[in-house]
Each structure stands twice: as structure tokens, then as C-alpha cells.
C-alpha atoms as a PDB file:
ATOM      1  CA  UNK A   1     -34.417 -13.473   2.022  1.00  0.00           C
ATOM      2  CA  UNK A   2     -33.957 -12.290   5.701  1.00  0.00           C
ATOM      3  CA  UNK A   3     -31.315  -9.544   6.484  1.00  0.00           C
ATOM      4  CA  UNK A   4     -30.115 -12.133   9.066  1.00  0.00           C
ATOM      5  CA  UNK A   5     -29.554 -14.548   6.133  1.00  0.00           C
ATOM      6  CA  UNK A   6     -28.043 -12.119   3.646  1.00  0.00           C
ATOM      7  CA  UNK A   7     -25.387 -11.010   6.550  1.00  0.00           C
ATOM      8  CA  UNK A   8     -24.576 -14.963   7.007  1.00  0.00           C
ATOM      9  CA  UNK A   9     -24.081 -15.350   3.304  1.00  0.00           C
ATOM     10  CA  UNK A  10     -21.455 -12.083   3.247  1.00  0.00           C
ATOM     11  CA  UNK A  11     -19.551 -13.282   6.792  1.00  0.00           C
ATOM     12  CA  UNK A  12     -19.302 -17.003   5.253  1.00  0.00           C
ATOM     13  CA  UNK A  13     -17.927 -15.536   1.660  1.00  0.00           C
ATOM     14  CA  UNK A  14     -15.197 -13.544   3.988  1.00  0.00           C
ATOM     15  CA  UNK A  15     -14.723 -16.589   5.962  1.00  0.00           C
ATOM     16  CA  UNK A  16     -14.092 -18.735   2.989  1.00  0.00           C
ATOM     17  CA  UNK A  17     -10.408 -17.102   2.939  1.00  0.00           C
ATOM     18  CA  UNK A  18      -9.313 -18.802   5.923  1.00  0.00           C
ATOM     19  CA  UNK A  19      -7.690 -22.198   5.526  1.00  0.00           C
ATOM     20  CA  UNK A  20     -10.243 -25.802   5.463  1.00  0.00           C
ATOM     21  CA  UNK A  21      -8.885 -26.807   8.199  1.00  0.00           C
ATOM     22  CA  UNK A  22      -9.380 -23.835  10.740  1.00  0.00           C
ATOM     23  CA  UNK A  23     -13.014 -23.470   9.049  1.00  0.00           C
ATOM     24  CA  UNK A  24     -13.878 -26.773  10.149  1.00  0.00           C
ATOM     25  CA  UNK A  25     -13.139 -26.760  13.555  1.00  0.00           C
ATOM     26  CA  UNK A  26     -14.097 -22.739  14.117  1.00  0.00           C
ATOM     27  CA  UNK A  27     -16.086 -21.005  11.576  1.00  0.00           C
ATOM     28  CA  UNK A  28     -19.719 -21.990  13.020  1.00  0.00           C
ATOM     29  CA  UNK A  29     -18.348 -20.493  16.469  1.00  0.00           C
ATOM     30  CA  UNK A  30     -16.921 -17.683  14.491  1.00  0.00           C
ATOM     31  CA  UNK A  31     -19.965 -16.775  12.806  1.00  0.00           C
ATOM     32  CA  UNK A  32     -22.269 -17.066  15.446  1.00  0.00           C
ATOM     33  CA  UNK A  33     -20.282 -14.460  17.351  1.00  0.00           C
ATOM     34  CA  UNK A  34     -20.211 -12.200  14.564  1.00  0.00           C
ATOM     35  CA  UNK A  35     -24.129 -12.447  13.904  1.00  0.00           C
ATOM     36  CA  UNK A  36     -24.706 -12.119  17.315  1.00  0.00           C
ATOM     37  CA  UNK A  37     -22.703  -8.819  17.789  1.00  0.00           C
ATOM     38  CA  UNK A  38     -23.824  -7.401  14.439  1.00  0.00           C
ATOM     39  CA  UNK A  39     -26.520  -4.092  14.224  1.00  0.00           C
ATOM     40  CA  UNK A  40     -29.779  -5.111  14.166  1.00  0.00           C
ATOM     41  CA  UNK A  41     -31.172  -4.618  10.711  1.00  0.00           C
ATOM     42  CA  UNK A  42     -27.177  -4.881   9.366  1.00  0.00           C
ATOM     43  CA  UNK A  43     -27.297  -6.706   5.932  1.00  0.00           C
ATOM     44  CA  UNK A  44     -23.447  -5.876   4.887  1.00  0.00           C
ATOM     45  CA  UNK A  45     -20.230  -6.930   6.530  1.00  0.00           C
ATOM     46  CA  UNK A  46     -19.085  -3.194   7.658  1.00  0.00           C
ATOM     47  CA  UNK A  47     -15.396  -2.482   6.702  1.00  0.00           C
ATOM     48  CA  UNK A  48     -13.659  -2.786   9.924  1.00  0.00           C
ATOM     49  CA  UNK A  49     -14.898  -5.760  10.287  1.00  0.00           C
ATOM     50  CA  UNK A  50     -14.024  -7.338   6.708  1.00  0.00           C
ATOM     51  CA  UNK A  51     -10.726  -5.473   7.123  1.00  0.00           C
ATOM     52  CA  UNK A  52     -10.007  -7.446  10.623  1.00  0.00           C
ATOM     53  CA  UNK A  53     -11.461 -10.616   9.103  1.00  0.00           C
ATOM     54  CA  UNK A  54      -9.163 -10.689   5.808  1.00  0.00           C
ATOM     55  CA  UNK A  55      -6.079  -9.439   7.850  1.00  0.00           C
ATOM     56  CA  UNK A  56      -6.811 -12.694  10.006  1.00  0.00           C
ATOM     57  CA  UNK A  57      -7.174 -14.859   7.107  1.00  0.00           C
ATOM     58  CA  UNK A  58      -4.243 -13.396   5.395  1.00  0.00           C
ATOM     59  CA  UNK A  59      -1.841 -13.809   8.550  1.00  0.00           C
ATOM     60  CA  UNK A  60      -2.772 -17.080   9.088  1.00  0.00           C
ATOM     61  CA  UNK A  61      -2.003 -18.383   5.266  1.00  0.00           C
ATOM     62  CA  UNK A  62       1.311 -16.645   5.466  1.00  0.00           C
ATOM     63  CA  UNK A  63       2.201 -17.590   9.113  1.00  0.00           C
ATOM     64  CA  UNK A  64       2.826 -21.166  10.080  1.00  0.00           C
ATOM     65  CA  UNK A  65       1.848 -22.336  13.993  1.00  0.00           C
ATOM     66  CA  UNK A  66       5.616 -22.599  14.564  1.00  0.00           C
ATOM     67  CA  UNK A  67       7.290 -19.217  16.027  1.00  0.00           C
ATOM     68  CA  UNK A  68       9.296 -17.304  13.374  1.00  0.00           C
ATOM     69  CA  UNK A  69      12.150 -15.121  14.080  1.00  0.00           C
ATOM     70  CA  UNK A  70      11.812 -11.367  13.616  1.00  0.00           C
ATOM     71  CA  UNK A  71      14.012 -11.870  10.717  1.00  0.00           C
ATOM     72  CA  UNK A  72      11.469 -13.782   8.838  1.00  0.00           C
ATOM     73  CA  UNK A  73       8.740 -11.879   9.639  1.00  0.00           C
ATOM     74  CA  UNK A  74      10.654  -8.750   8.401  1.00  0.00           C
ATOM     75  CA  UNK A  75      11.242 -10.662   5.175  1.00  0.00           C
ATOM     76  CA  UNK A  76       8.266 -11.670   4.364  1.00  0.00           C
ATOM     77  CA  UNK A  77       6.429  -8.237   5.281  1.00  0.00           C
ATOM     78  CA  UNK A  78       9.317  -7.126   2.769  1.00  0.00           C
ATOM     79  CA  UNK A  79       8.288  -9.311   0.313  1.00  0.00           C
ATOM     80  CA  UNK A  80       4.735  -8.288   0.071  1.00  0.00           C
ATOM     81  CA  UNK A  81       5.933  -4.862   0.019  1.00  0.00           C
ATOM     82  CA  UNK A  82       8.134  -5.912  -2.808  1.00  0.00           C
ATOM     83  CA  UNK A  83       4.568  -7.101  -4.905  1.00  0.00           C
ATOM     84  CA  UNK A  84       3.629  -3.519  -4.165  1.00  0.00           C
ATOM     85  CA  UNK A  85       6.777  -2.003  -5.294  1.00  0.00           C
ATOM     86  CA  UNK A  86       6.668  -4.150  -8.681  1.00  0.00           C
ATOM     87  CA  UNK A  87       2.799  -3.165  -9.204  1.00  0.00           C
ATOM     88  CA  UNK A  88       4.245   1.085  -8.625  1.00  0.00           C
ATOM     89  CA  UNK A  89       7.196   0.191 -10.989  1.00  0.00           C
ATOM     90  CA  UNK A  90       4.845  -1.351 -13.783  1.00  0.00           C
ATOM     91  CA  UNK A  91       2.658   1.754 -13.347  1.00  0.00           C
ATOM     92  CA  UNK A  92       5.599   3.856 -13.568  1.00  0.00           C
ATOM     93  CA  UNK A  93       6.935   2.383 -16.300  1.00  0.00           C
ATOM     94  CA  UNK A  94       3.401   2.332 -18.366  1.00  0.00           C
ATOM     95  CA  UNK A  95       2.907   6.243 -17.361  1.00  0.00           C
ATOM     96  CA  UNK A  96       6.532   7.077 -18.589  1.00  0.00           C
ATOM     97  CA  UNK A  97       6.607   5.163 -21.885  1.00  0.00           C
ATOM     98  CA  UNK A  98       6.135   8.077 -24.035  1.00  0.00           C
ATOM     99  CA  UNK A  99       8.332  10.496 -22.309  1.00  0.00           C
ATOM    100  CA  UNK A 100      10.959   7.456 -22.214  1.00  0.00           C
ATOM    101  CA  UNK A 101      10.650   6.800 -26.011  1.00  0.00           C
ATOM    102  CA  UNK A 102      11.242  10.590 -27.176  1.00  0.00           C
ATOM    103  CA  UNK A 103      14.330  10.377 -25.027  1.00  0.00           C
ATOM    104  CA  UNK A 104      15.700   7.259 -26.494  1.00  0.00           C
ATOM    105  CA  UNK A 105      15.008   8.629 -29.992  1.00  0.00           C
ATOM    106  CA  UNK A 106      16.560  12.110 -28.997  1.00  0.00           C
ATOM    107  CA  UNK A 107      19.727  10.602 -27.448  1.00  0.00           C
ATOM    108  CA  UNK A 108      20.117   6.932 -28.745  1.00  0.00           C
ATOM    109  CA  UNK A 109      18.186   6.276 -32.063  1.00  0.00           C
ATOM    110  CA  UNK A 110      19.834   3.165 -32.920  1.00  0.00           C
ATOM    111  CA  UNK A 111      18.660   1.835 -29.494  1.00  0.00           C
ATOM    112  CA  UNK A 112      15.317   2.268 -30.152  1.00  0.00           C
ATOM    113  CA  UNK A 113      14.041  -1.062 -31.141  1.00  0.00           C
ATOM    114  CA  UNK A 114      15.706  -2.714 -28.309  1.00  0.00           C
ATOM    115  CA  UNK A 115      14.131  -0.113 -25.865  1.00  0.00           C
ATOM    116  CA  UNK A 116      10.717  -0.825 -27.433  1.00  0.00           C
ATOM    117  CA  UNK A 117      10.929  -4.650 -27.099  1.00  0.00           C
ATOM    118  CA  UNK A 118      12.553  -4.429 -23.263  1.00  0.00           C
ATOM    119  CA  UNK A 119       9.647  -2.067 -22.626  1.00  0.00           C
ATOM    120  CA  UNK A 120       6.978  -4.485 -23.894  1.00  0.00           C
ATOM    121  CA  UNK A 121       8.881  -7.421 -21.741  1.00  0.00           C
ATOM    122  CA  UNK A 122       8.775  -5.172 -18.508  1.00  0.00           C
ATOM    123  CA  UNK A 123       5.330  -4.877 -18.681  1.00  0.00           C
ATOM    124  CA  UNK A 124       4.235  -8.248 -20.006  1.00  0.00           C
ATOM    125  CA  UNK A 125       6.604 -10.054 -17.196  1.00  0.00           C
ATOM    126  CA  UNK A 126       5.319  -7.688 -14.355  1.00  0.00           C
ATOM    127  CA  UNK A 127       2.267  -9.505 -13.269  1.00  0.00           C
ATOM    128  CA  UNK A 128       4.449 -12.539 -13.047  1.00  0.00           C
ATOM    129  CA  UNK A 129       6.717 -10.708 -10.741  1.00  0.00           C
ATOM    130  CA  UNK A 130       4.302  -9.878  -8.699  1.00  0.00           C
ATOM    131  CA  UNK A 131       2.581 -13.040  -8.419  1.00  0.00           C
ATOM    132  CA  UNK A 132       6.319 -14.607  -7.700  1.00  0.00           C
ATOM    133  CA  UNK A 133       6.688 -11.881  -4.746  1.00  0.00           C
ATOM    134  CA  UNK A 134       3.645 -13.000  -3.253  1.00  0.00           C
ATOM    135  CA  UNK A 135       4.320 -16.950  -3.360  1.00  0.00           C
ATOM    136  CA  UNK A 136       7.932 -16.517  -2.148  1.00  0.00           C
ATOM    137  CA  UNK A 137       5.994 -14.340   0.873  1.00  0.00           C
ATOM    138  CA  UNK A 138       3.760 -17.294   1.693  1.00  0.00           C
ATOM    139  CA  UNK A 139       6.619 -20.040   1.188  1.00  0.00           C
ATOM    140  CA  UNK A 140       8.910 -18.434   3.192  1.00  0.00           C
ATOM    141  CA  UNK A 141       6.729 -17.989   5.989  1.00  0.00           C
ATOM    142  CA  UNK A 142       5.980 -21.103   6.332  1.00  0.00           C
ATOM    143  CA  UNK A 143       9.706 -22.011   6.314  1.00  0.00           C
ATOM    144  CA  UNK A 144      10.144 -24.166   3.208  1.00  0.00           C
ATOM    145  CA  UNK A 145      13.740 -23.926   2.848  1.00  0.00           C
ATOM    146  CA  UNK A 146      13.774 -24.240  -0.796  1.00  0.00           C
ATOM    147  CA  UNK A 147      12.095 -20.885  -1.203  1.00  0.00           C
ATOM    148  CA  UNK A 148      15.243 -18.959   0.151  1.00  0.00           C
ATOM    149  CA  UNK A 149      17.011 -20.609  -2.856  1.00  0.00           C
ATOM    150  CA  UNK A 150      14.602 -19.320  -5.118  1.00  0.00           C
ATOM    151  CA  UNK A 151      14.362 -15.972  -3.375  1.00  0.00           C
ATOM    152  CA  UNK A 152      18.099 -15.903  -3.641  1.00  0.00           C
ATOM    153  CA  UNK A 153      17.845 -16.635  -7.746  1.00  0.00           C
ATOM    154  CA  UNK A 154      15.657 -14.294  -8.437  1.00  0.00           C
ATOM    155  CA  UNK A 155      17.573 -11.580  -6.728  1.00  0.00           C
ATOM    156  CA  UNK A 156      20.715 -12.462  -8.632  1.00  0.00           C
ATOM    157  CA  UNK A 157      18.280 -12.561 -11.817  1.00  0.00           C
ATOM    158  CA  UNK A 158      16.866  -9.033 -10.542  1.00  0.00           C
ATOM    159  CA  UNK A 159      20.647  -7.931 -10.209  1.00  0.00           C
ATOM    160  CA  UNK A 160      21.910  -9.019 -13.388  1.00  0.00           C
ATOM    161  CA  UNK A 161      18.684  -6.774 -15.160  1.00  0.00           C
ATOM    162  CA  UNK A 162      19.577  -3.925 -13.399  1.00  0.00           C
ATOM    163  CA  UNK A 163      23.483  -3.997 -14.486  1.00  0.00           C
ATOM    164  CA  UNK A 164      21.945  -4.389 -18.026  1.00  0.00           C
ATOM    165  CA  UNK A 165      19.907  -1.186 -17.481  1.00  0.00           C
ATOM    166  CA  UNK A 166      22.540   0.317 -16.155  1.00  0.00           C
ATOM    167  CA  UNK A 167      24.681  -0.649 -19.146  1.00  0.00           C
ATOM    168  CA  UNK A 168      22.056   0.577 -21.544  1.00  0.00           C
ATOM    169  CA  UNK A 169      21.950   4.460 -20.010  1.00  0.00           C
ATOM    170  CA  UNK A 170      18.555   3.780 -18.627  1.00  0.00           C
ATOM    171  CA  UNK A 171      19.353   6.223 -15.928  1.00  0.00           C
ATOM    172  CA  UNK A 172      19.726   8.931 -18.465  1.00  0.00           C
ATOM    173  CA  UNK A 173      16.475   8.547 -20.353  1.00  0.00           C
ATOM    174  CA  UNK A 174      14.304   6.617 -17.634  1.00  0.00           C
ATOM    175  CA  UNK A 175      15.274   7.924 -14.508  1.00  0.00           C
ATOM    176  CA  UNK A 176      11.786   7.574 -13.138  1.00  0.00           C
ATOM    177  CA  UNK A 177      11.688   4.007 -14.134  1.00  0.00           C
ATOM    178  CA  UNK A 178      15.426   3.284 -12.895  1.00  0.00           C
ATOM    179  CA  UNK A 179      14.430   4.760  -9.419  1.00  0.00           C
ATOM    180  CA  UNK A 180      11.113   2.356  -8.764  1.00  0.00           C
ATOM    181  CA  UNK A 181      13.638  -0.763 -10.537  1.00  0.00           C
ATOM    182  CA  UNK A 182      16.229   0.251  -7.512  1.00  0.00           C
ATOM    183  CA  UNK A 183      13.472   0.526  -5.092  1.00  0.00           C
ATOM    184  CA  UNK A 184      12.440  -2.935  -5.935  1.00  0.00           C
ATOM    185  CA  UNK A 185      16.379  -4.280  -5.888  1.00  0.00           C
ATOM    186  CA  UNK A 186      16.886  -2.873  -2.591  1.00  0.00           C
ATOM    187  CA  UNK A 187      14.027  -4.646  -1.322  1.00  0.00           C
ATOM    188  CA  UNK A 188      15.032  -7.916  -2.871  1.00  0.00           C
ATOM    189  CA  UNK A 189      18.813  -7.165  -1.007  1.00  0.00           C
ATOM    190  CA  UNK A 190      17.278  -6.725   2.040  1.00  0.00           C
ATOM    191  CA  UNK A 191      14.982  -9.596   2.528  1.00  0.00           C
ATOM    192  CA  UNK A 192      17.484 -12.357   0.983  1.00  0.00           C
ATOM    193  CA  UNK A 193      19.631 -10.620   3.575  1.00  0.00           C
ATOM    194  CA  UNK A 194      17.316 -11.280   6.221  1.00  0.00           C
ATOM    195  CA  UNK A 195      16.585 -14.960   5.822  1.00  0.00           C
ATOM    196  CA  UNK A 196      20.055 -16.356   5.382  1.00  0.00           C
ATOM    197  CA  UNK A 197      20.506 -14.887   9.220  1.00  0.00           C
ATOM    198  CA  UNK A 198      21.658 -17.224  11.505  1.00  0.00           C
ATOM    199  CA  UNK A 199      18.156 -17.181  13.577  1.00  0.00           C
ATOM    200  CA  UNK A 200      16.541 -17.972  10.125  1.00  0.00           C
ATOM    201  CA  UNK A 201      18.953 -20.763   9.419  1.00  0.00           C
ATOM    202  CA  UNK A 202      17.344 -22.119  12.513  1.00  0.00           C
ATOM    203  CA  UNK A 203      14.156 -21.945  11.896  1.00  0.00           C
ATOM    204  CA  UNK A 204      14.188 -23.049   8.179  1.00  0.00           C
ATOM    205  CA  UNK A 205      16.195 -26.213   9.125  1.00  0.00           C
ATOM    206  CA  UNK A 206      15.664 -27.379  12.733  1.00  0.00           C
ATOM    207  CA  UNK A 207      17.607 -29.423  14.276  1.00  0.00           C
ATOM    208  CA  UNK A 208      16.073 -32.676  15.137  1.00  0.00           C
ATOM    209  CA  UNK A 209      15.395 -33.509  19.144  1.00  0.00           C
ATOM    210  CA  UNK A 210      18.040 -35.348  20.764  1.00  0.00           C
ATOM    211  CA  UNK A 211      16.133 -38.112  23.115  1.00  0.00           C
END
């Protein structure tokens, strides 16, 4: 396989991240430009090029062609941050698990079984929560009105979990976990507020054009 063929295959793998309709119209043209501007003997996609292409694909999949108000753009960005915060919270829980168990055993020994079950449930559900954040970011970015309702429902559930953790003195024996959870909760709060602003209402529920 020649250098050009290897580089073309590498570019095509990244371009496959773009929507199918866009690739059908523009892939060959973009590929020709990328190959024409590649360095002599280049066989791999440079990191900067890869990032630009993947970033463009992500934006194209998240954002529809219609103009979006700033509040919706900010909300989607926060939802992506929520996925990252959820991952950080999962890592925090895993890292501090031993210290939390020791604190519960020393202060609330009767709550030890419940705390263990809660820890397992949180770690098991974290990947689902991360996927949910990403899915809602995609759906809200495309102006799906049902996504707002699901976002609000998820925030309500998240709030109930926070209240439950506080009622079980989690802030006392697992302060790091509660800080991580509070960050996720705050991101959820702000993102939900943003998608229910007047500007967002007009975006999610556009008025029919009067003839």
C-alpha cells in the first residue's frame, strides 16, 4: 500500500464520523483538499487535523442547520460538561470507596449494608448517566421538544437523589463524593433553566409562518 493510499484510508475513517448526507455531498471534495495539502511522505493524520475534523463532525451532529439561541447552545455545552462531571464523580466514588466504608463503619455501623449497596448502584448506573447526558445534549441541540421534558425529569430525579444522600449524612462520611454530586446537580439545574427560557421556547416550538 502506498503512502497516499494509507493516508486516504486514515482520512476516510475520520470522515466517517460526519453525517451520511454530508459525506455523500462533500466527502470526496474534502478528501481531495486534505490529500493535496498533506506533507510529502505523510501516512498518518496529524493530531491537529484529526481534532479539527472530529470537532467539526461533533458540531454537525449536535447542531441542526437552523439558528440556535445562545441559551440552547450554552445548555448543550453544559450537558456535555455534565457527562464529563459524571465521569469525574464515578472516578471519585471509586477512588474514595475504601475511606467512605471506613467512615460509615466507624460512625454509622448500622448503615454499612445500605451504603455498600448504594455505592454499587451508583458505580453501575454512572455509565448510563454519562450516555444520557450525551444523548440529551444531542437531542436538545437538534431542537427536540421532548428532550427538554426528559431533561427536566432527569433533573428532578437527580434532585431526589441529592436529598436522599443528604438525609443519610453522606456529606459527613463522603464529602468528596457529595462535592462531585453537587457539581453534577448544579450543571443539571443551569442547563434545565436555560432550555426553558423564552428564547428557547421559540426555538423548540417555532410558530408557523403566516401567509
